[in-house]
C-alpha atoms as a PDB file:
ATOM      1  CA  LEU A   1     -48.703   6.341  63.251  1.00  0.00           C
ATOM      2  CA  PRO A   2     -50.069   9.730  61.760  1.00  0.00           C
ATOM      3  CA  SER A   3     -53.382  11.608  62.865  1.00  0.00           C
ATOM      4  CA  PHE A   4     -56.973  10.025  61.286  1.00  0.00           C
ATOM      5  CA  HIS A   5     -56.855  13.085  59.196  1.00  0.00           C
ATOM      6  CA  TRP A   6     -53.742  12.659  57.637  1.00  0.00           C
ATOM      7  CA  ALA A   7     -53.889   8.967  57.223  1.00  0.00           C
ATOM      8  CA  PHE A   8     -57.526   9.260  55.530  1.00  0.00           C
ATOM      9  CA  ASN A   9     -56.784  12.297  53.236  1.00  0.00           C
ATOM     10  CA  PHE A  10     -53.420   9.610  51.843  1.00  0.00           C
ATOM     11  CA  TYR A  11     -56.065   7.378  51.602  1.00  0.00           C
ATOM     12  CA  ILE A  12     -57.944   9.131  49.024  1.00  0.00           C
ATOM     13  CA  VAL A  13     -54.980  10.707  47.128  1.00  0.00           C
ATOM     14  CA  LEU A  14     -53.599   6.955  47.134  1.00  0.00           C
ATOM     15  CA  HIS A  15     -56.196   5.618  45.284  1.00  0.00           C
ATOM     16  CA  LEU A  16     -56.547   8.810  42.810  1.00  0.00           C
ATOM     17  CA  ALA A  17     -53.045   7.969  42.000  1.00  0.00           C
ATOM     18  CA  LEU A  18     -53.517   4.139  41.683  1.00  0.00           C
ATOM     19  CA  ALA A  19     -56.507   5.136  39.161  1.00  0.00           C
ATOM     20  CA  GLY A  20     -54.185   7.048  37.028  1.00  0.00           C
ATOM     21  CA  PHE A  21     -51.312   4.449  37.288  1.00  0.00           C
ATOM     22  CA  PHE A  22     -53.529   1.479  36.654  1.00  0.00           C
ATOM     23  CA  THR A  23     -54.707   3.318  33.573  1.00  0.00           C
ATOM     24  CA  TYR A  24     -51.354   4.084  32.482  1.00  0.00           C
ATOM     25  CA  CYS A  25     -50.671   0.513  32.549  1.00  0.00           C
ATOM     26  CA  TYR A  26     -53.783  -0.854  30.491  1.00  0.00           C
ATOM     27  CA  MET A  27     -53.050   1.513  28.203  1.00  0.00           C
ATOM     28  CA  ARG A  28     -49.556   0.697  27.414  1.00  0.00           C
ATOM     29  CA  GLU A  29     -50.747  -3.107  27.275  1.00  0.00           C
ATOM     30  CA  GLU A  30     -53.403  -1.697  24.771  1.00  0.00           C
ATOM     31  CA  ARG A  31     -50.403  -0.610  23.125  1.00  0.00           C
ATOM     32  CA  ALA A  32     -50.517   2.896  23.104  1.00  0.00           C
ATOM     33  CA  SER A  33     -47.614   5.544  22.753  1.00  0.00           C
ATOM     34  CA  LEU A  34     -46.263   6.649  26.273  1.00  0.00           C
ATOM     35  CA  GLU A  35     -47.529  10.056  26.071  1.00  0.00           C
ATOM     36  CA  ALA A  36     -50.837   8.920  25.057  1.00  0.00           C
ATOM     37  CA  ALA A  37     -50.740   6.463  28.319  1.00  0.00           C
ATOM     38  CA  VAL A  38     -49.791   9.357  30.417  1.00  0.00           C
ATOM     39  CA  ILE A  39     -52.875  11.360  29.012  1.00  0.00           C
ATOM     40  CA  ALA A  40     -54.942   8.270  29.629  1.00  0.00           C
ATOM     41  CA  GLY A  41     -54.017   8.424  33.430  1.00  0.00           C
ATOM     42  CA  LEU A  42     -54.484  11.433  34.001  1.00  0.00           C
ATOM     43  CA  ALA A  43     -57.645  12.220  32.275  1.00  0.00           C
ATOM     44  CA  PHE A  44     -59.159   8.905  34.560  1.00  0.00           C
ATOM     45  CA  GLY A  45     -56.958   9.641  37.615  1.00  0.00           C
ATOM     46  CA  MET A  46     -58.899  13.414  37.810  1.00  0.00           C
ATOM     47  CA  SER A  47     -61.737  12.746  36.110  1.00  0.00           C
ATOM     48  CA  GLY A  48     -65.255  14.539  37.055  1.00  0.00           C
ATOM     49  CA  TYR A  49     -66.164  11.047  38.186  1.00  0.00           C
ATOM     50  CA  LEU A  50     -63.400   9.935  40.608  1.00  0.00           C
ATOM     51  CA  MET A  51     -63.439  13.516  41.937  1.00  0.00           C
ATOM     52  CA  SER A  52     -67.016  13.215  42.756  1.00  0.00           C
ATOM     53  CA  THR A  53     -66.848   9.649  44.614  1.00  0.00           C
ATOM     54  CA  ILE A  54     -64.061  11.393  47.015  1.00  0.00           C
ATOM     55  CA  SER A  55     -67.311  11.887  48.875  1.00  0.00           C
ATOM     56  CA  LEU A  56     -67.858   8.298  48.947  1.00  0.00           C
ATOM     57  CA  THR A  57     -64.788   6.177  49.321  1.00  0.00           C
ATOM     58  CA  ILE A  58     -65.848   2.885  48.955  1.00  0.00           C
ATOM     59  CA  ALA A  59     -66.966   3.595  44.875  1.00  0.00           C
ATOM     60  CA  LEU A  60     -63.372   5.544  44.711  1.00  0.00           C
ATOM     61  CA  CYS A  61     -61.508   2.830  45.637  1.00  0.00           C
ATOM     62  CA  ALA A  62     -63.113   0.046  44.030  1.00  0.00           C
ATOM     63  CA  ALA A  63     -63.349   2.393  40.973  1.00  0.00           C
ATOM     64  CA  SER A  64     -59.823   2.959  41.057  1.00  0.00           C
ATOM     65  CA  TYR A  65     -59.052  -1.148  40.372  1.00  0.00           C
ATOM     66  CA  PHE A  66     -61.193  -1.134  37.301  1.00  0.00           C
ATOM     67  CA  PRO A  67     -58.189  -0.028  34.734  1.00  0.00           C
ATOM     68  CA  LEU A  68     -56.381  -3.080  36.401  1.00  0.00           C
ATOM     69  CA  ALA A  69     -58.974  -5.436  35.892  1.00  0.00           C
ATOM     70  CA  LEU A  70     -59.420  -4.785  32.493  1.00  0.00           C
ATOM     71  CA  LEU A  71     -55.678  -5.040  32.106  1.00  0.00           C
ATOM     72  CA  ALA A  72     -55.864  -8.679  33.950  1.00  0.00           C
ATOM     73  CA  LEU A  73     -58.626  -9.803  31.798  1.00  0.00           C
ATOM     74  CA  ARG A  74     -56.585  -8.767  28.577  1.00  0.00           C
ATOM     75  CA  ARG A  75     -53.580 -11.175  29.483  1.00  0.00           C
ATOM     76  CA  ALA A  76     -55.848 -13.933  30.877  1.00  0.00           C
ATOM     77  CA  PHE A  77     -57.290 -14.118  27.607  1.00  0.00           C
ATOM     78  CA  ARG A  78     -53.828 -14.239  25.832  1.00  0.00           C
ATOM     79  CA  GLN A  79     -52.405 -16.642  27.637  1.00  0.00           C
ATOM     80  CA  ASN A  80     -53.270 -20.442  28.175  1.00  0.00           C
ATOM     81  CA  ASP A  81     -52.028 -20.903  31.971  1.00  0.00           C
ATOM     82  CA  PHE A  82     -54.267 -19.871  35.038  1.00  0.00           C
ATOM     83  CA  PHE A  83     -51.917 -17.229  36.230  1.00  0.00           C
ATOM     84  CA  TRP A  84     -53.689 -13.967  35.038  1.00  0.00           C
ATOM     85  CA  LYS A  85     -56.723 -15.590  35.425  1.00  0.00           C
ATOM     86  CA  GLY A  86     -55.956 -16.010  39.096  1.00  0.00           C
ATOM     87  CA  VAL A  87     -54.682 -11.918  39.293  1.00  0.00           C
ATOM     88  CA  SER A  88     -58.271 -11.124  37.624  1.00  0.00           C
ATOM     89  CA  ALA A  89     -59.904 -12.693  40.426  1.00  0.00           C
ATOM     90  CA  LEU A  90     -57.838 -11.185  43.185  1.00  0.00           C
ATOM     91  CA  VAL A  91     -58.327  -7.913  41.441  1.00  0.00           C
ATOM     92  CA  LEU A  92     -62.381  -8.314  41.758  1.00  0.00           C
ATOM     93  CA  LEU A  93     -61.603  -9.445  45.289  1.00  0.00           C
ATOM     94  CA  LEU A  94     -60.131  -5.987  46.016  1.00  0.00           C
ATOM     95  CA  GLN A  95     -62.689  -4.035  44.407  1.00  0.00           C
ATOM     96  CA  TYR A  96     -65.546  -6.436  46.119  1.00  0.00           C
ATOM     97  CA  LEU A  97     -63.797  -5.454  49.846  1.00  0.00           C
ATOM     98  CA  ALA A  98     -63.531  -2.172  49.015  1.00  0.00           C
ATOM     99  CA  GLY A  99     -67.184  -1.908  49.644  1.00  0.00           C
ATOM    100  CA  ASP A 100     -69.510  -0.986  46.407  1.00  0.00           C
ATOM    101  CA  PRO A 101     -71.004  -3.831  44.780  1.00  0.00           C
ATOM    102  CA  ALA A 102     -72.312  -1.625  42.225  1.00  0.00           C
ATOM    103  CA  VAL A 103     -68.580  -1.552  40.797  1.00  0.00           C
ATOM    104  CA  VAL A 104     -67.885  -5.156  40.987  1.00  0.00           C
ATOM    105  CA  LEU A 105     -70.624  -5.639  39.000  1.00  0.00           C
ATOM    106  CA  THR A 106     -70.403  -3.158  36.296  1.00  0.00           C
ATOM    107  CA  THR A 107     -66.767  -4.788  36.153  1.00  0.00           C
ATOM    108  CA  LEU A 108     -68.343  -8.618  35.610  1.00  0.00           C
ATOM    109  CA  LEU A 109     -70.849  -7.006  32.746  1.00  0.00           C
ATOM    110  CA  VAL A 110     -68.041  -5.357  31.161  1.00  0.00           C
ATOM    111  CA  TYR A 111     -66.036  -8.623  31.451  1.00  0.00           C
ATOM    112  CA  ALA A 112     -69.006 -10.319  30.072  1.00  0.00           C
ATOM    113  CA  LEU A 113     -69.357  -8.002  26.848  1.00  0.00           C
ATOM    114  CA  ILE A 114     -65.457  -8.306  26.123  1.00  0.00           C
ATOM    115  CA  ALA A 115     -65.640 -12.117  26.446  1.00  0.00           C
ATOM    116  CA  GLY A 116     -68.971 -11.882  24.128  1.00  0.00           C
ATOM    117  CA  PHE A 117     -67.418  -9.459  21.815  1.00  0.00           C
ATOM    118  CA  LYS A 118     -64.318 -11.511  21.410  1.00  0.00           C
ATOM    119  CA  THR A 119     -66.439 -14.552  20.523  1.00  0.00           C
ATOM    120  CA  LEU A 120     -68.708 -13.364  18.048  1.00  0.00           C
ATOM    121  CA  ASN A 121     -65.693 -11.448  16.212  1.00  0.00           C
ATOM    122  CA  ARG A 122     -63.909 -14.895  16.584  1.00  0.00           C
ATOM    123  CA  TRP A 123     -66.751 -16.500  14.478  1.00  0.00           C
ATOM    124  CA  MET A 124     -66.963 -13.423  12.448  1.00  0.00           C
ATOM    125  CA  THR A 125     -63.989 -13.842  11.062  1.00  0.00           C
ATOM    126  CA  HIS A 126     -62.655 -17.313  11.255  1.00  0.00           C
ATOM    127  CA  LYS A 127     -65.764 -19.372  11.674  1.00  0.00           C
ATOM    128  CA  ASP A 128     -64.490 -20.439  14.534  1.00  0.00           C
ATOM    129  CA  LEU A 129     -67.306 -20.787  17.384  1.00  0.00           C
ATOM    130  CA  SER A 130     -64.719 -21.861  19.993  1.00  0.00           C
ATOM    131  CA  PRO A 131     -66.095 -21.396  23.615  1.00  0.00           C
ATOM    132  CA  LYS A 132     -62.642 -20.291  25.173  1.00  0.00           C
ATOM    133  CA  TYR A 133     -63.388 -16.817  26.067  1.00  0.00           C
ATOM    134  CA  ILE A 134     -66.531 -17.927  27.812  1.00  0.00           C
ATOM    135  CA  LEU A 135     -64.542 -20.619  29.855  1.00  0.00           C
ATOM    136  CA  ASP A 136     -62.197 -18.126  30.775  1.00  0.00           C
ATOM    137  CA  LEU A 137     -64.585 -15.743  32.104  1.00  0.00           C
ATOM    138  CA  SER A 138     -66.007 -18.825  33.944  1.00  0.00           C
ATOM    139  CA  LYS A 139     -62.734 -19.954  35.656  1.00  0.00           C
ATOM    140  CA  ILE A 140     -62.275 -16.517  36.729  1.00  0.00           C
ATOM    141  CA  VAL A 141     -65.791 -15.935  38.065  1.00  0.00           C
ATOM    142  CA  LEU A 142     -65.670 -19.086  40.108  1.00  0.00           C
ATOM    143  CA  THR A 143     -62.437 -18.402  41.422  1.00  0.00           C
ATOM    144  CA  PHE A 144     -63.221 -14.813  42.745  1.00  0.00           C
ATOM    145  CA  LEU A 145     -66.517 -16.383  44.152  1.00  0.00           C
ATOM    146  CA  ALA A 146     -64.194 -18.959  45.977  1.00  0.00           C
ATOM    147  CA  LEU A 147     -61.970 -16.235  46.994  1.00  0.00           C
ATOM    148  CA  SER A 148     -64.649 -14.086  48.552  1.00  0.00           C
ATOM    149  CA  ALA A 149     -66.966 -16.794  50.001  1.00  0.00           C
ATOM    150  CA  PHE A 150     -66.052 -15.739  53.484  1.00  0.00           C
ATOM    151  CA  GLN A 151     -67.799 -12.291  52.853  1.00  0.00           C
ATOM    152  CA  THR A 152     -70.150 -13.061  49.823  1.00  0.00           C
ATOM    153  CA  LEU A 153     -72.602 -15.663  51.642  1.00  0.00           C
ATOM    154  CA  LEU A 154     -73.205 -13.303  54.272  1.00  0.00           C
ATOM    155  CA  PHE A 155     -73.637 -10.743  52.397  1.00  0.00           C
ATOM    156  CA  ALA A 156     -76.074 -13.078  50.252  1.00  0.00           C
ATOM    157  CA  GLU A 157     -77.993 -13.453  53.370  1.00  0.00           C
ATOM    158  CA  PHE A 158     -78.061  -9.761  53.845  1.00  0.00           C
ATOM    159  CA  VAL A 159     -79.557  -8.936  50.334  1.00  0.00           C
ATOM    160  CA  ALA A 160     -82.280 -11.994  51.068  1.00  0.00           C
ATOM    161  CA  HIS A 161     -83.550  -9.679  53.778  1.00  0.00           C
ATOM    162  CA  THR A 162     -83.015  -6.219  52.313  1.00  0.00           C
ATOM    163  CA  SER A 163     -86.538  -3.977  51.778  1.00  0.00           C
ATOM    164  CA  ARG A 164     -84.813  -3.007  48.221  1.00  0.00           C
ATOM    165  CA  LEU A 165     -86.016  -6.013  46.658  1.00  0.00           C
ATOM    166  CA  GLY A 166     -89.281  -4.857  47.154  1.00  0.00           C
ATOM    167  CA  LEU A 167     -89.241  -0.946  45.714  1.00  0.00           C
ATOM    168  CA  ARG A 168     -91.273   0.255  43.377  1.00  0.00           C
ATOM    169  CA  PRO A 169     -89.357   0.838  39.625  1.00  0.00           C
ATOM    170  CA  GLU A 170     -89.525   4.565  40.301  1.00  0.00           C
ATOM    171  CA  GLU A 171     -87.863   4.028  43.460  1.00  0.00           C
ATOM    172  CA  SER A 172     -84.556   2.035  42.417  1.00  0.00           C
ATOM    173  CA  MET A 173     -84.612   4.174  38.930  1.00  0.00           C
ATOM    174  CA  LYS A 174     -84.886   7.457  40.585  1.00  0.00           C
ATOM    175  CA  TRP A 175     -81.445   8.810  39.971  1.00  0.00           C
ATOM    176  CA  SER A 176     -81.021   7.731  36.353  1.00  0.00           C
ATOM    177  CA  MET A 177     -78.599  10.120  34.127  1.00  0.00           C
ATOM    178  CA  PRO A 178     -80.827  12.481  32.660  1.00  0.00           C
ATOM    179  CA  PRO A 179     -80.077  12.290  28.682  1.00  0.00           C
ATOM    180  CA  TYR A 180     -79.072  16.129  28.485  1.00  0.00           C
ATOM    181  CA  GLU A 181     -76.714  15.439  31.759  1.00  0.00           C
ATOM    182  CA  VAL A 182     -74.258  12.932  29.087  1.00  0.00           C
ATOM    183  CA  LEU A 183     -73.172  16.497  27.493  1.00  0.00           C
ATOM    184  CA  GLY A 184     -71.434  16.945  31.200  1.00  0.00           C
ATOM    185  CA  LEU A 185     -69.075  14.761  29.374  1.00  0.00           C
ATOM    186  CA  PHE A 186     -67.255  17.559  27.650  1.00  0.00           C
ATOM    187  CA  ILE A 187     -69.540  20.985  28.980  1.00  0.00           C
ATOM    188  CA  PRO A 188     -68.437  21.300  32.719  1.00  0.00           C
ATOM    189  CA  SER A 189     -70.930  21.585  35.282  1.00  0.00           C
ATOM    190  CA  ILE A 190     -73.833  21.177  33.476  1.00  0.00           C
ATOM    191  CA  SER A 191     -75.309  18.769  36.094  1.00  0.00           C
ATOM    192  CA  ASP A 192     -74.530  21.820  38.582  1.00  0.00           C
ATOM    193  CA  ILE A 193     -78.096  23.262  36.374  1.00  0.00           C
ATOM    194  CA  THR A 194     -80.651  21.139  38.285  1.00  0.00           C
ATOM    195  CA  PHE A 195     -78.613  22.018  42.094  1.00  0.00           C
ATOM    196  CA  TYR A 196     -80.716  25.470  41.632  1.00  0.00           C
ATOM    197  CA  THR A 197     -83.918  24.285  40.077  1.00  0.00           C
ATOM    198  CA  GLN A 198     -84.633  20.761  41.582  1.00  0.00           C
ATOM    199  CA  ASP A 199     -84.965  19.485  45.061  1.00  0.00           C
ATOM    200  CA  TYR A 200     -82.689  16.957  46.120  1.00  0.00           C
ATOM    201  CA  TRP A 201     -84.442  13.804  46.099  1.00  0.00           C
ATOM    202  CA  ILE A 202     -85.707  14.889  42.287  1.00  0.00           C
ATOM    203  CA  ARG A 203     -82.843  15.734  40.529  1.00  0.00           C
ATOM    204  CA  GLN A 204     -79.908  13.049  40.109  1.00  0.00           C
ATOM    205  CA  GLY A 205     -77.546  13.792  43.082  1.00  0.00           C
ATOM    206  CA  TRP A 206     -75.235  10.473  43.194  1.00  0.00           C
ATOM    207  CA  LEU A 207     -72.692  11.927  40.973  1.00  0.00           C
ATOM    208  CA  ALA A 208     -71.571  15.469  41.072  1.00  0.00           C
ATOM    209  CA  ASN A 209     -69.608  16.103  38.157  1.00  0.00           C
ATOM    210  CA  HIS A 210     -69.456  14.055  34.450  1.00  0.00           C
ATOM    211  CA  TYR A 211     -66.704  16.127  33.306  1.00  0.00           C
ATOM    212  CA  CYS A 212     -63.704  14.276  31.678  1.00  0.00           C
ATOM    213  CA  GLY A 213     -62.242  17.018  29.475  1.00  0.00           C
ATOM    214  CA  THR A 214     -63.440  18.849  26.303  1.00  0.00           C
ATOM    215  CA  VAL A 215     -60.137  18.036  24.788  1.00  0.00           C
ATOM    216  CA  ILE A 216     -59.873  14.532  26.542  1.00  0.00           C
ATOM    217  CA  PHE A 217     -63.307  13.617  24.892  1.00  0.00           C
ATOM    218  CA  LEU A 218     -62.374  15.177  21.320  1.00  0.00           C
ATOM    219  CA  LEU A 219     -59.153  13.065  21.430  1.00  0.00           C
ATOM    220  CA  ALA A 220     -61.281   9.933  22.234  1.00  0.00           C
ATOM    221  CA  CYS A 221     -63.662  10.588  19.495  1.00  0.00           C
ATOM    222  CA  LEU A 222     -60.373  10.891  16.834  1.00  0.00           C
ATOM    223  CA  ALA A 223     -58.688   7.604  18.721  1.00  0.00           C
ATOM    224  CA  LEU A 224     -61.946   6.014  17.186  1.00  0.00           C
ATOM    225  CA  ALA A 225     -62.120   7.183  13.907  1.00  0.00           C
ATOM    226  CA  VAL A 226     -58.382   6.818  13.204  1.00  0.00           C
ATOM    227  CA  LYS A 227     -57.686   3.648  14.941  1.00  0.00           C
ATOM    228  CA  LYS A 228     -59.428   1.217  13.102  1.00  0.00           C
ATOM    229  CA  THR A 229     -58.468  -1.554  15.574  1.00  0.00           C
ATOM    230  CA  GLN A 230     -59.930  -4.169  17.965  1.00  0.00           C
ATOM    231  CA  ASN A 231     -58.779  -2.474  21.123  1.00  0.00           C
ATOM    232  CA  ALA A 232     -60.583   1.119  20.016  1.00  0.00           C
ATOM    233  CA  LYS A 233     -63.622  -0.654  18.887  1.00  0.00           C
ATOM    234  CA  HIS A 234     -63.530  -2.353  22.970  1.00  0.00           C
ATOM    235  CA  LEU A 235     -62.923   1.176  24.572  1.00  0.00           C
ATOM    236  CA  PHE A 236     -65.660   2.390  22.679  1.00  0.00           C
ATOM    237  CA  LEU A 237     -67.989  -0.394  23.310  1.00  0.00           C
ATOM    238  CA  MET A 238     -67.555  -0.129  27.210  1.00  0.00           C
ATOM    239  CA  ALA A 239     -68.005   3.754  27.552  1.00  0.00           C
ATOM    240  CA  LEU A 240     -70.881   3.421  25.407  1.00  0.00           C
ATOM    241  CA  PHE A 241     -72.002   0.831  27.805  1.00  0.00           C
ATOM    242  CA  GLY A 242     -71.238   2.414  30.935  1.00  0.00           C
ATOM    243  CA  ILE A 243     -73.716   5.821  29.645  1.00  0.00           C
ATOM    244  CA  LEU A 244     -76.761   3.269  28.601  1.00  0.00           C
ATOM    245  CA  LEU A 245     -76.710   1.770  31.836  1.00  0.00           C
ATOM    246  CA  SER A 246     -76.477   5.347  33.480  1.00  0.00           C
ATOM    247  CA  LEU A 247     -79.169   6.152  31.902  1.00  0.00           C
ATOM    248  CA  GLY A 248     -81.300   3.774  33.764  1.00  0.00           C
ATOM    249  CA  GLN A 249     -85.010   4.223  33.176  1.00  0.00           C
ATOM    250  CA  TYR A 250     -84.361   6.391  30.079  1.00  0.00           C
ATOM    251  CA  SER A 251     -82.600   3.120  28.618  1.00  0.00           C
ATOM    252  CA  PRO A 252     -84.203   0.132  26.889  1.00  0.00           C
ATOM    253  CA  VAL A 253     -80.525  -1.529  27.406  1.00  0.00           C
ATOM    254  CA  TYR A 254     -80.763  -0.941  31.317  1.00  0.00           C
ATOM    255  CA  LEU A 255     -84.492  -2.205  31.436  1.00  0.00           C
ATOM    256  CA  LEU A 256     -83.976  -5.252  29.768  1.00  0.00           C
ATOM    257  CA  LEU A 257     -80.722  -5.887  31.988  1.00  0.00           C
ATOM    258  CA  ARG A 258     -82.923  -5.068  34.724  1.00  0.00           C
ATOM    259  CA  GLU A 259     -85.619  -7.573  33.672  1.00  0.00           C
ATOM    260  CA  ALA A 260     -82.959 -10.459  33.091  1.00  0.00           C
ATOM    261  CA  PHE A 261     -80.898  -9.847  36.243  1.00  0.00           C
ATOM    262  CA  PRO A 262     -83.243  -8.991  39.347  1.00  0.00           C
ATOM    263  CA  LEU A 263     -80.400  -8.398  41.833  1.00  0.00           C
ATOM    264  CA  LEU A 264     -80.098  -5.212  39.659  1.00  0.00           C
ATOM    265  CA  GLU A 265     -82.988  -4.250  42.071  1.00  0.00           C
ATOM    266  CA  ILE A 266     -80.459  -3.665  44.936  1.00  0.00           C
ATOM    267  CA  ILE A 267     -78.519  -0.889  42.946  1.00  0.00           C
ATOM    268  CA  ARG A 268     -80.885   2.185  44.034  1.00  0.00           C
ATOM    269  CA  TYR A 269     -79.087   4.675  41.546  1.00  0.00           C
ATOM    270  CA  PRO A 270     -78.218   3.430  37.916  1.00  0.00           C
ATOM    271  CA  GLN A 271     -75.925   6.931  37.772  1.00  0.00           C
ATOM    272  CA  ARG A 272     -73.655   4.779  39.591  1.00  0.00           C
ATOM    273  CA  PHE A 273     -72.686   2.585  36.789  1.00  0.00           C
ATOM    274  CA  PHE A 274     -71.256   5.613  34.815  1.00  0.00           C
END
């Protein structure tokens, strides 16, 4: 066997590569061109977000499966058999076993957002209020819970005894993304300003770099303007949803979700949803 240092470095690089590859596969599934899919894969695999999570590999490894989770859900909704619903549940299991509940929760929230969007769109375009997407999502979640029961039951007991459920709002939402840091998407190192001006426990310190690339950001805006398709709308809504969650205490959306789902209290840093 190689040395621990070699293996650990390989483990990190492997998940960065997987993040890029799964993004490429997902964009091809979304009918993007070969060139566009390659650019998208590089953009996510080498983004400021993933580079920041190298210091916390549970977040890196869980996030690397996120594009694959989106691909599996897309196919699960399009096909009537159970195969891709089972694959979606397996991908959720891989995310969960990577060790970061926040990423799994994010994926489930995005799953719910897509199912709700597609159900509403179906009703608005065809006046058909079919619960198909809600039922498909329910099958995926129930399968995931069954597959992960050996761990989730123990985790539930752990959560029941955690002191985080008693945290004050100002503690559990301390590391929210300040609105000005949204500029970090296309202005590199803007979050570094607080590194020199604020104490570690006051400034947002979980995500070191938000940068996705100025050209990448402009291409995303161009896609939304030119590609007036359901796929582009889905991707835009997911991006907006992630930012609104990351804003934490500065976001009415996060505050409403926190009231509706008390378990969000155990996620101390809303910034993690970025």
